[in-house]
């Protein structure tokens, strides 16, 4: 009879606490692409020169995670009502509030009895013309004090016909469907949503960063004459010095930012 030996954790392993993740994504619908880290190249759409030298754009592009539609589907809006269809459907169907086909039975077969029949809807049409809500098939949980900001993918050209709203969900307290509201912007033409194209980008942000006390902590300097000597020194170092150098390295800001991140131990992959 064979035996399997399980190694005991070392003293060093026991002494080092496991770091809790900042975000945990639960895929509830058992299909579709999993969330993934956002790409500093804007999902490959950013020009090479911008990716290499425009650090503000590449940093913003790589901030957060891509969330994809769980399936490919299409909408058709006539200015009043919305219809929808998906791969495998035989025709267009009116959109009111719909479950993904077959998901309710799957949900009820797994969920505790008191939670059965509460499967989240996939798509919901609002009363306002051209507006609907979509569930991404994901439930997210963040570390205490952190929220998720939902917005369109950063620096990624989108197919025409729709515009996701932006929002902030306190996902350390809200353990429910990760949803997004979307405005349709074209009528009488099919608007396609691909399960291979990111629908939204979610950004983890500390709740303190958008607290009223934080946002009200600002100061206005309304006149150039009020620049201090320190302001002028900083402006010289930032704007003027690169122009008066005998040799001006390309992407100087990007190189300095990456060097600083490397020193702090936070340089991103491919950065």
C-alpha atoms as a PDB file:
ATOM      1  CA  UNK A   1       0.000   0.000   0.000  1.00  0.00           C
ATOM      2  CA  UNK A   2       1.470   3.337  -0.978  1.00  0.00           C
ATOM      3  CA  UNK A   3       1.493   6.279   1.368  1.00  0.00           C
ATOM      4  CA  UNK A   4       1.697   9.987   0.705  1.00  0.00           C
ATOM      5  CA  UNK A   5       3.885  12.108   2.921  1.00  0.00           C
ATOM      6  CA  UNK A   6       2.731  15.698   3.482  1.00  0.00           C
ATOM      7  CA  UNK A   7       5.555  17.967   4.503  1.00  0.00           C
ATOM      8  CA  UNK A   8       4.978  20.035   7.603  1.00  0.00           C
ATOM      9  CA  UNK A   9       5.301  23.789   7.141  1.00  0.00           C
ATOM     10  CA  UNK A  10       8.646  25.176   8.135  1.00  0.00           C
ATOM     11  CA  UNK A  11       9.077  27.555  11.040  1.00  0.00           C
ATOM     12  CA  UNK A  12       9.642  30.374   8.540  1.00  0.00           C
ATOM     13  CA  UNK A  13       6.386  29.544   6.749  1.00  0.00           C
ATOM     14  CA  UNK A  14       4.500  29.476  10.049  1.00  0.00           C
ATOM     15  CA  UNK A  15       6.002  32.790  11.110  1.00  0.00           C
ATOM     16  CA  UNK A  16       5.066  34.541   7.842  1.00  0.00           C
ATOM     17  CA  UNK A  17       1.324  35.300   7.661  1.00  0.00           C
ATOM     18  CA  UNK A  18      -0.281  34.811   4.260  1.00  0.00           C
ATOM     19  CA  UNK A  19      -1.127  38.129   2.667  1.00  0.00           C
ATOM     20  CA  UNK A  20      -4.840  38.521   2.006  1.00  0.00           C
ATOM     21  CA  UNK A  21      -5.776  39.461  -1.579  1.00  0.00           C
ATOM     22  CA  UNK A  22      -6.947  42.990  -2.277  1.00  0.00           C
ATOM     23  CA  UNK A  23      -9.765  41.725  -4.525  1.00  0.00           C
ATOM     24  CA  UNK A  24     -11.449  38.332  -4.818  1.00  0.00           C
ATOM     25  CA  UNK A  25     -13.546  37.721  -7.949  1.00  0.00           C
ATOM     26  CA  UNK A  26     -16.198  34.997  -7.762  1.00  0.00           C
ATOM     27  CA  UNK A  27     -17.390  33.774 -11.154  1.00  0.00           C
ATOM     28  CA  UNK A  28     -21.010  32.800 -10.592  1.00  0.00           C
ATOM     29  CA  UNK A  29     -21.955  32.017 -14.173  1.00  0.00           C
ATOM     30  CA  UNK A  30     -19.923  28.888 -15.026  1.00  0.00           C
ATOM     31  CA  UNK A  31     -18.703  30.160 -18.377  1.00  0.00           C
ATOM     32  CA  UNK A  32     -17.142  33.196 -19.974  1.00  0.00           C
ATOM     33  CA  UNK A  33     -13.717  34.678 -19.467  1.00  0.00           C
ATOM     34  CA  UNK A  34     -12.396  35.213 -15.992  1.00  0.00           C
ATOM     35  CA  UNK A  35     -11.433  38.755 -14.920  1.00  0.00           C
ATOM     36  CA  UNK A  36      -7.836  39.588 -15.747  1.00  0.00           C
ATOM     37  CA  UNK A  37      -5.314  42.287 -14.966  1.00  0.00           C
ATOM     38  CA  UNK A  38      -5.740  45.320 -17.180  1.00  0.00           C
ATOM     39  CA  UNK A  39      -3.049  45.684 -19.810  1.00  0.00           C
ATOM     40  CA  UNK A  40      -0.641  48.631 -19.879  1.00  0.00           C
ATOM     41  CA  UNK A  41      -0.883  48.655 -23.675  1.00  0.00           C
ATOM     42  CA  UNK A  42      -4.661  49.199 -23.603  1.00  0.00           C
ATOM     43  CA  UNK A  43      -5.385  45.589 -24.616  1.00  0.00           C
ATOM     44  CA  UNK A  44      -2.809  45.947 -27.373  1.00  0.00           C
ATOM     45  CA  UNK A  45      -4.489  48.977 -28.956  1.00  0.00           C
ATOM     46  CA  UNK A  46      -2.043  51.661 -27.785  1.00  0.00           C
ATOM     47  CA  UNK A  47       0.580  52.842 -30.311  1.00  0.00           C
ATOM     48  CA  UNK A  48       4.030  51.447 -29.533  1.00  0.00           C
ATOM     49  CA  UNK A  49       5.538  54.894 -28.955  1.00  0.00           C
ATOM     50  CA  UNK A  50       2.811  55.800 -26.465  1.00  0.00           C
ATOM     51  CA  UNK A  51       3.209  52.464 -24.663  1.00  0.00           C
ATOM     52  CA  UNK A  52       6.976  52.933 -24.332  1.00  0.00           C
ATOM     53  CA  UNK A  53       7.190  56.625 -23.523  1.00  0.00           C
ATOM     54  CA  UNK A  54       3.803  57.891 -22.297  1.00  0.00           C
ATOM     55  CA  UNK A  55       3.866  56.694 -18.709  1.00  0.00           C
ATOM     56  CA  UNK A  56       0.598  58.446 -17.697  1.00  0.00           C
ATOM     57  CA  UNK A  57      -1.326  56.588 -20.418  1.00  0.00           C
ATOM     58  CA  UNK A  58       0.241  53.185 -19.797  1.00  0.00           C
ATOM     59  CA  UNK A  59      -0.122  53.489 -16.011  1.00  0.00           C
ATOM     60  CA  UNK A  60      -3.808  54.396 -16.359  1.00  0.00           C
ATOM     61  CA  UNK A  61      -4.349  51.564 -18.849  1.00  0.00           C
ATOM     62  CA  UNK A  62      -2.844  48.981 -16.499  1.00  0.00           C
ATOM     63  CA  UNK A  63      -4.719  50.155 -13.403  1.00  0.00           C
ATOM     64  CA  UNK A  64      -7.292  47.569 -12.388  1.00  0.00           C
ATOM     65  CA  UNK A  65      -8.907  44.547 -14.007  1.00  0.00           C
ATOM     66  CA  UNK A  66     -10.846  43.802 -17.183  1.00  0.00           C
ATOM     67  CA  UNK A  67     -14.325  42.330 -16.825  1.00  0.00           C
ATOM     68  CA  UNK A  68     -15.875  40.610 -19.848  1.00  0.00           C
ATOM     69  CA  UNK A  69     -19.495  39.859 -20.770  1.00  0.00           C
ATOM     70  CA  UNK A  70     -20.248  36.265 -19.781  1.00  0.00           C
ATOM     71  CA  UNK A  71     -21.590  35.543 -23.283  1.00  0.00           C
ATOM     72  CA  UNK A  72     -21.715  37.258 -26.653  1.00  0.00           C
ATOM     73  CA  UNK A  73     -25.076  38.898 -27.290  1.00  0.00           C
ATOM     74  CA  UNK A  74     -26.692  41.651 -29.345  1.00  0.00           C
ATOM     75  CA  UNK A  75     -29.217  44.388 -28.650  1.00  0.00           C
ATOM     76  CA  UNK A  76     -31.525  46.261 -30.998  1.00  0.00           C
ATOM     77  CA  UNK A  77     -33.116  49.529 -29.892  1.00  0.00           C
ATOM     78  CA  UNK A  78     -35.813  51.261 -31.931  1.00  0.00           C
ATOM     79  CA  UNK A  79     -35.804  54.409 -29.793  1.00  0.00           C
ATOM     80  CA  UNK A  80     -38.440  53.018 -27.455  1.00  0.00           C
ATOM     81  CA  UNK A  81     -38.083  49.283 -26.845  1.00  0.00           C
ATOM     82  CA  UNK A  82     -35.025  47.034 -26.686  1.00  0.00           C
ATOM     83  CA  UNK A  83     -34.806  43.535 -28.105  1.00  0.00           C
ATOM     84  CA  UNK A  84     -32.011  41.077 -27.574  1.00  0.00           C
ATOM     85  CA  UNK A  85     -30.550  37.871 -28.945  1.00  0.00           C
ATOM     86  CA  UNK A  86     -27.528  35.680 -28.327  1.00  0.00           C
ATOM     87  CA  UNK A  87     -25.532  32.958 -30.030  1.00  0.00           C
ATOM     88  CA  UNK A  88     -27.845  29.998 -30.442  1.00  0.00           C
ATOM     89  CA  UNK A  89     -31.124  31.945 -30.128  1.00  0.00           C
ATOM     90  CA  UNK A  90     -33.537  31.588 -33.028  1.00  0.00           C
ATOM     91  CA  UNK A  91     -34.886  35.147 -33.019  1.00  0.00           C
ATOM     92  CA  UNK A  92     -34.875  38.577 -31.349  1.00  0.00           C
ATOM     93  CA  UNK A  93     -36.705  38.692 -28.002  1.00  0.00           C
ATOM     94  CA  UNK A  94     -38.174  41.650 -26.046  1.00  0.00           C
ATOM     95  CA  UNK A  95     -35.878  42.772 -23.237  1.00  0.00           C
ATOM     96  CA  UNK A  96     -37.497  43.427 -19.883  1.00  0.00           C
ATOM     97  CA  UNK A  97     -35.704  41.405 -17.220  1.00  0.00           C
ATOM     98  CA  UNK A  98     -34.066  38.173 -18.349  1.00  0.00           C
ATOM     99  CA  UNK A  99     -32.032  35.399 -16.823  1.00  0.00           C
ATOM    100  CA  UNK A 100     -29.286  33.754 -18.778  1.00  0.00           C
ATOM    101  CA  UNK A 101     -30.945  30.629 -20.214  1.00  0.00           C
ATOM    102  CA  UNK A 102     -30.673  27.706 -17.835  1.00  0.00           C
ATOM    103  CA  UNK A 103     -28.928  29.623 -15.067  1.00  0.00           C
ATOM    104  CA  UNK A 104     -31.877  29.802 -12.663  1.00  0.00           C
ATOM    105  CA  UNK A 105     -32.146  26.006 -12.498  1.00  0.00           C
ATOM    106  CA  UNK A 106     -28.389  25.725 -11.953  1.00  0.00           C
ATOM    107  CA  UNK A 107     -28.463  28.394  -9.232  1.00  0.00           C
ATOM    108  CA  UNK A 108     -31.360  26.750  -7.391  1.00  0.00           C
ATOM    109  CA  UNK A 109     -29.641  23.356  -7.528  1.00  0.00           C
ATOM    110  CA  UNK A 110     -26.616  24.751  -5.646  1.00  0.00           C
ATOM    111  CA  UNK A 111     -27.915  27.606  -3.449  1.00  0.00           C
ATOM    112  CA  UNK A 112     -29.311  27.021   0.072  1.00  0.00           C
ATOM    113  CA  UNK A 113     -33.077  26.662   0.151  1.00  0.00           C
ATOM    114  CA  UNK A 114     -33.768  30.143   1.534  1.00  0.00           C
ATOM    115  CA  UNK A 115     -31.741  31.707  -1.306  1.00  0.00           C
ATOM    116  CA  UNK A 116     -33.239  29.720  -4.163  1.00  0.00           C
ATOM    117  CA  UNK A 117     -35.292  31.711  -6.685  1.00  0.00           C
ATOM    118  CA  UNK A 118     -33.060  34.755  -6.078  1.00  0.00           C
ATOM    119  CA  UNK A 119     -30.691  34.222  -8.970  1.00  0.00           C
ATOM    120  CA  UNK A 120     -29.582  37.608 -10.313  1.00  0.00           C
ATOM    121  CA  UNK A 121     -30.965  38.635 -13.721  1.00  0.00           C
ATOM    122  CA  UNK A 122     -28.532  38.921 -16.597  1.00  0.00           C
ATOM    123  CA  UNK A 123     -30.080  41.926 -18.379  1.00  0.00           C
ATOM    124  CA  UNK A 124     -32.678  44.442 -17.192  1.00  0.00           C
ATOM    125  CA  UNK A 125     -34.173  47.211 -19.348  1.00  0.00           C
ATOM    126  CA  UNK A 126     -34.871  50.477 -17.517  1.00  0.00           C
ATOM    127  CA  UNK A 127     -37.919  52.674 -17.974  1.00  0.00           C
ATOM    128  CA  UNK A 128     -35.707  55.369 -19.474  1.00  0.00           C
ATOM    129  CA  UNK A 129     -35.325  54.805 -23.236  1.00  0.00           C
ATOM    130  CA  UNK A 130     -32.087  53.157 -24.281  1.00  0.00           C
ATOM    131  CA  UNK A 131     -30.844  52.362 -20.773  1.00  0.00           C
ATOM    132  CA  UNK A 132     -30.257  48.892 -19.402  1.00  0.00           C
ATOM    133  CA  UNK A 133     -28.352  47.107 -16.673  1.00  0.00           C
ATOM    134  CA  UNK A 134     -26.079  44.137 -17.197  1.00  0.00           C
ATOM    135  CA  UNK A 135     -24.721  41.661 -14.686  1.00  0.00           C
ATOM    136  CA  UNK A 136     -21.174  40.639 -15.497  1.00  0.00           C
ATOM    137  CA  UNK A 137     -21.621  37.172 -14.001  1.00  0.00           C
ATOM    138  CA  UNK A 138     -19.163  38.188 -11.274  1.00  0.00           C
ATOM    139  CA  UNK A 139     -19.440  38.881  -7.552  1.00  0.00           C
ATOM    140  CA  UNK A 140     -16.434  40.702  -6.073  1.00  0.00           C
ATOM    141  CA  UNK A 141     -15.183  41.194  -2.549  1.00  0.00           C
ATOM    142  CA  UNK A 142     -12.493  43.713  -1.613  1.00  0.00           C
ATOM    143  CA  UNK A 143     -10.342  44.134   1.471  1.00  0.00           C
ATOM    144  CA  UNK A 144     -11.836  46.279   4.259  1.00  0.00           C
ATOM    145  CA  UNK A 145     -11.848  49.969   3.374  1.00  0.00           C
ATOM    146  CA  UNK A 146     -11.542  49.338  -0.392  1.00  0.00           C
ATOM    147  CA  UNK A 147     -14.136  49.793  -3.128  1.00  0.00           C
ATOM    148  CA  UNK A 148     -14.274  49.052  -6.835  1.00  0.00           C
ATOM    149  CA  UNK A 149     -14.746  51.850  -9.346  1.00  0.00           C
ATOM    150  CA  UNK A 150     -16.411  50.595 -12.534  1.00  0.00           C
ATOM    151  CA  UNK A 151     -15.701  52.468 -15.743  1.00  0.00           C
ATOM    152  CA  UNK A 152     -15.220  51.846 -19.476  1.00  0.00           C
ATOM    153  CA  UNK A 153     -11.895  50.186 -20.362  1.00  0.00           C
ATOM    154  CA  UNK A 154      -9.125  52.786 -20.177  1.00  0.00           C
ATOM    155  CA  UNK A 155      -7.574  53.838 -23.512  1.00  0.00           C
ATOM    156  CA  UNK A 156      -9.268  50.935 -25.300  1.00  0.00           C
ATOM    157  CA  UNK A 157     -11.278  51.898 -28.418  1.00  0.00           C
ATOM    158  CA  UNK A 158     -14.809  50.590 -27.993  1.00  0.00           C
ATOM    159  CA  UNK A 159     -17.239  49.347 -30.594  1.00  0.00           C
ATOM    160  CA  UNK A 160     -19.847  51.988 -31.335  1.00  0.00           C
ATOM    161  CA  UNK A 161     -23.385  51.964 -30.114  1.00  0.00           C
ATOM    162  CA  UNK A 162     -23.118  51.957 -26.338  1.00  0.00           C
ATOM    163  CA  UNK A 163     -21.583  53.840 -23.426  1.00  0.00           C
ATOM    164  CA  UNK A 164     -21.094  52.270 -19.976  1.00  0.00           C
ATOM    165  CA  UNK A 165     -21.796  54.484 -16.991  1.00  0.00           C
ATOM    166  CA  UNK A 166     -19.166  54.873 -14.277  1.00  0.00           C
ATOM    167  CA  UNK A 167     -19.831  53.990 -10.661  1.00  0.00           C
ATOM    168  CA  UNK A 168     -18.253  53.090  -7.333  1.00  0.00           C
ATOM    169  CA  UNK A 169     -19.391  50.009  -5.382  1.00  0.00           C
ATOM    170  CA  UNK A 170     -18.322  49.466  -1.772  1.00  0.00           C
ATOM    171  CA  UNK A 171     -17.482  45.829  -2.406  1.00  0.00           C
ATOM    172  CA  UNK A 172     -16.081  45.306   1.070  1.00  0.00           C
ATOM    173  CA  UNK A 173     -19.703  45.631   2.260  1.00  0.00           C
ATOM    174  CA  UNK A 174     -21.726  44.703  -0.844  1.00  0.00           C
ATOM    175  CA  UNK A 175     -21.439  41.004  -1.685  1.00  0.00           C
ATOM    176  CA  UNK A 176     -23.813  40.994  -4.594  1.00  0.00           C
ATOM    177  CA  UNK A 177     -23.817  41.037  -8.393  1.00  0.00           C
ATOM    178  CA  UNK A 178     -21.143  43.231  -9.985  1.00  0.00           C
ATOM    179  CA  UNK A 179     -23.377  45.190 -12.353  1.00  0.00           C
ATOM    180  CA  UNK A 180     -22.975  48.064 -14.761  1.00  0.00           C
ATOM    181  CA  UNK A 181     -25.498  50.440 -16.323  1.00  0.00           C
ATOM    182  CA  UNK A 182     -25.188  51.094 -20.049  1.00  0.00           C
ATOM    183  CA  UNK A 183     -26.651  53.682 -22.410  1.00  0.00           C
ATOM    184  CA  UNK A 184     -27.367  52.679 -26.003  1.00  0.00           C
ATOM    185  CA  UNK A 185     -26.430  55.392 -28.487  1.00  0.00           C
ATOM    186  CA  UNK A 186     -27.632  53.956 -31.817  1.00  0.00           C
ATOM    187  CA  UNK A 187     -31.070  52.953 -32.997  1.00  0.00           C
ATOM    188  CA  UNK A 188     -32.261  50.397 -35.562  1.00  0.00           C
ATOM    189  CA  UNK A 189     -28.895  48.637 -35.896  1.00  0.00           C
ATOM    190  CA  UNK A 190     -27.647  45.581 -33.985  1.00  0.00           C
ATOM    191  CA  UNK A 191     -25.236  46.497 -31.174  1.00  0.00           C
ATOM    192  CA  UNK A 192     -22.916  43.609 -30.457  1.00  0.00           C
ATOM    193  CA  UNK A 193     -21.241  42.685 -27.167  1.00  0.00           C
ATOM    194  CA  UNK A 194     -18.431  40.164 -27.423  1.00  0.00           C
ATOM    195  CA  UNK A 195     -17.402  37.837 -24.606  1.00  0.00           C
ATOM    196  CA  UNK A 196     -13.802  38.270 -25.831  1.00  0.00           C
ATOM    197  CA  UNK A 197     -13.775  42.071 -25.492  1.00  0.00           C
ATOM    198  CA  UNK A 198     -13.580  43.774 -22.067  1.00  0.00           C
ATOM    199  CA  UNK A 199     -16.841  45.490 -21.226  1.00  0.00           C
ATOM    200  CA  UNK A 200     -15.631  47.446 -18.191  1.00  0.00           C
ATOM    201  CA  UNK A 201     -12.504  48.008 -16.141  1.00  0.00           C
ATOM    202  CA  UNK A 202     -12.714  47.878 -12.353  1.00  0.00           C
ATOM    203  CA  UNK A 203     -10.260  49.901 -10.279  1.00  0.00           C
ATOM    204  CA  UNK A 204      -9.637  49.180  -6.589  1.00  0.00           C
ATOM    205  CA  UNK A 205      -9.638  52.449  -4.672  1.00  0.00           C
ATOM    206  CA  UNK A 206      -9.471  53.161  -0.933  1.00  0.00           C
ATOM    207  CA  UNK A 207     -12.779  54.531   0.313  1.00  0.00           C
ATOM    208  CA  UNK A 208     -10.924  57.393   1.991  1.00  0.00           C
ATOM    209  CA  UNK A 209      -9.832  58.686  -1.424  1.00  0.00           C
ATOM    210  CA  UNK A 210     -13.390  59.738  -2.334  1.00  0.00           C
ATOM    211  CA  UNK A 211     -14.544  60.657   1.158  1.00  0.00           C
ATOM    212  CA  UNK A 212     -16.010  64.169   1.353  1.00  0.00           C
ATOM    213  CA  UNK A 213     -13.408  65.274   3.886  1.00  0.00           C
ATOM    214  CA  UNK A 214     -10.647  64.121   1.529  1.00  0.00           C
ATOM    215  CA  UNK A 215     -12.125  65.735  -1.579  1.00  0.00           C
ATOM    216  CA  UNK A 216     -12.811  69.012   0.254  1.00  0.00           C
ATOM    217  CA  UNK A 217      -9.173  69.219   1.311  1.00  0.00           C
ATOM    218  CA  UNK A 218      -7.904  71.303  -1.599  1.00  0.00           C
ATOM    219  CA  UNK A 219      -6.549  74.774  -2.305  1.00  0.00           C
ATOM    220  CA  UNK A 220      -6.804  77.071  -5.333  1.00  0.00           C
ATOM    221  CA  UNK A 221      -3.971  79.271  -6.608  1.00  0.00           C
ATOM    222  CA  UNK A 222      -5.848  81.533  -9.042  1.00  0.00           C
ATOM    223  CA  UNK A 223      -2.994  83.650 -10.407  1.00  0.00           C
ATOM    224  CA  UNK A 224       0.432  82.968 -11.920  1.00  0.00           C
ATOM    225  CA  UNK A 225       1.840  85.809  -9.785  1.00  0.00           C
ATOM    226  CA  UNK A 226       1.156  83.703  -6.721  1.00  0.00           C
ATOM    227  CA  UNK A 227       3.655  81.009  -7.715  1.00  0.00           C
ATOM    228  CA  UNK A 228       6.207  80.608  -4.933  1.00  0.00           C
ATOM    229  CA  UNK A 229       9.963  80.289  -5.597  1.00  0.00           C
ATOM    230  CA  UNK A 230       9.569  76.557  -4.887  1.00  0.00           C
ATOM    231  CA  UNK A 231       6.814  76.362  -7.525  1.00  0.00           C
ATOM    232  CA  UNK A 232       9.084  77.996 -10.097  1.00  0.00           C
ATOM    233  CA  UNK A 233      11.951  75.668  -9.177  1.00  0.00           C
ATOM    234  CA  UNK A 234       9.745  72.625  -9.617  1.00  0.00           C
ATOM    235  CA  UNK A 235       8.409  73.958 -12.930  1.00  0.00           C
ATOM    236  CA  UNK A 236      11.973  74.467 -14.142  1.00  0.00           C
ATOM    237  CA  UNK A 237      12.999  70.936 -13.191  1.00  0.00           C
ATOM    238  CA  UNK A 238       9.901  69.416 -14.771  1.00  0.00           C
ATOM    239  CA  UNK A 239       9.400  71.457 -17.948  1.00  0.00           C
ATOM    240  CA  UNK A 240      12.454  73.558 -18.730  1.00  0.00           C
ATOM    241  CA  UNK A 241      15.420  71.379 -17.793  1.00  0.00           C
ATOM    242  CA  UNK A 242      14.638  68.615 -20.338  1.00  0.00           C
ATOM    243  CA  UNK A 243      14.661  71.250 -23.111  1.00  0.00           C
ATOM    244  CA  UNK A 244      17.978  72.822 -22.165  1.00  0.00           C
ATOM    245  CA  UNK A 245      19.891  69.573 -21.713  1.00  0.00           C
ATOM    246  CA  UNK A 246      22.524  68.921 -24.323  1.00  0.00           C
ATOM    247  CA  UNK A 247      21.247  65.369 -24.660  1.00  0.00           C
ATOM    248  CA  UNK A 248      17.585  64.794 -23.939  1.00  0.00           C
ATOM    249  CA  UNK A 249      16.788  61.110 -23.372  1.00  0.00           C
ATOM    250  CA  UNK A 250      13.551  59.952 -24.940  1.00  0.00           C
ATOM    251  CA  UNK A 251      10.853  59.009 -22.439  1.00  0.00           C
ATOM    252  CA  UNK A 252      12.609  60.707 -19.537  1.00  0.00           C
ATOM    253  CA  UNK A 253       9.468  60.881 -17.398  1.00  0.00           C
ATOM    254  CA  UNK A 254       8.642  57.228 -18.059  1.00  0.00           C
ATOM    255  CA  UNK A 255      12.167  56.110 -17.221  1.00  0.00           C
ATOM    256  CA  UNK A 256      12.179  58.091 -13.967  1.00  0.00           C
ATOM    257  CA  UNK A 257       8.762  56.724 -12.958  1.00  0.00           C
ATOM    258  CA  UNK A 258       9.803  53.125 -13.637  1.00  0.00           C
ATOM    259  CA  UNK A 259      13.075  53.589 -11.775  1.00  0.00           C
ATOM    260  CA  UNK A 260      11.162  54.978  -8.806  1.00  0.00           C
ATOM    261  CA  UNK A 261       8.719  52.042  -8.861  1.00  0.00           C
ATOM    262  CA  UNK A 262      11.578  49.570  -9.071  1.00  0.00           C
ATOM    263  CA  UNK A 263      13.188  51.154  -6.005  1.00  0.00           C
ATOM    264  CA  UNK A 264       9.842  50.839  -4.199  1.00  0.00           C
ATOM    265  CA  UNK A 265       9.429  47.239  -5.325  1.00  0.00           C
ATOM    266  CA  UNK A 266       6.295  47.900  -7.374  1.00  0.00           C
ATOM    267  CA  UNK A 267       7.473  47.887 -10.995  1.00  0.00           C
ATOM    268  CA  UNK A 268       4.733  46.364 -13.150  1.00  0.00           C
ATOM    269  CA  UNK A 269       5.359  43.442 -15.519  1.00  0.00           C
ATOM    270  CA  UNK A 270       6.632  44.786 -18.800  1.00  0.00           C
ATOM    271  CA  UNK A 271       7.088  48.235 -17.266  1.00  0.00           C
END
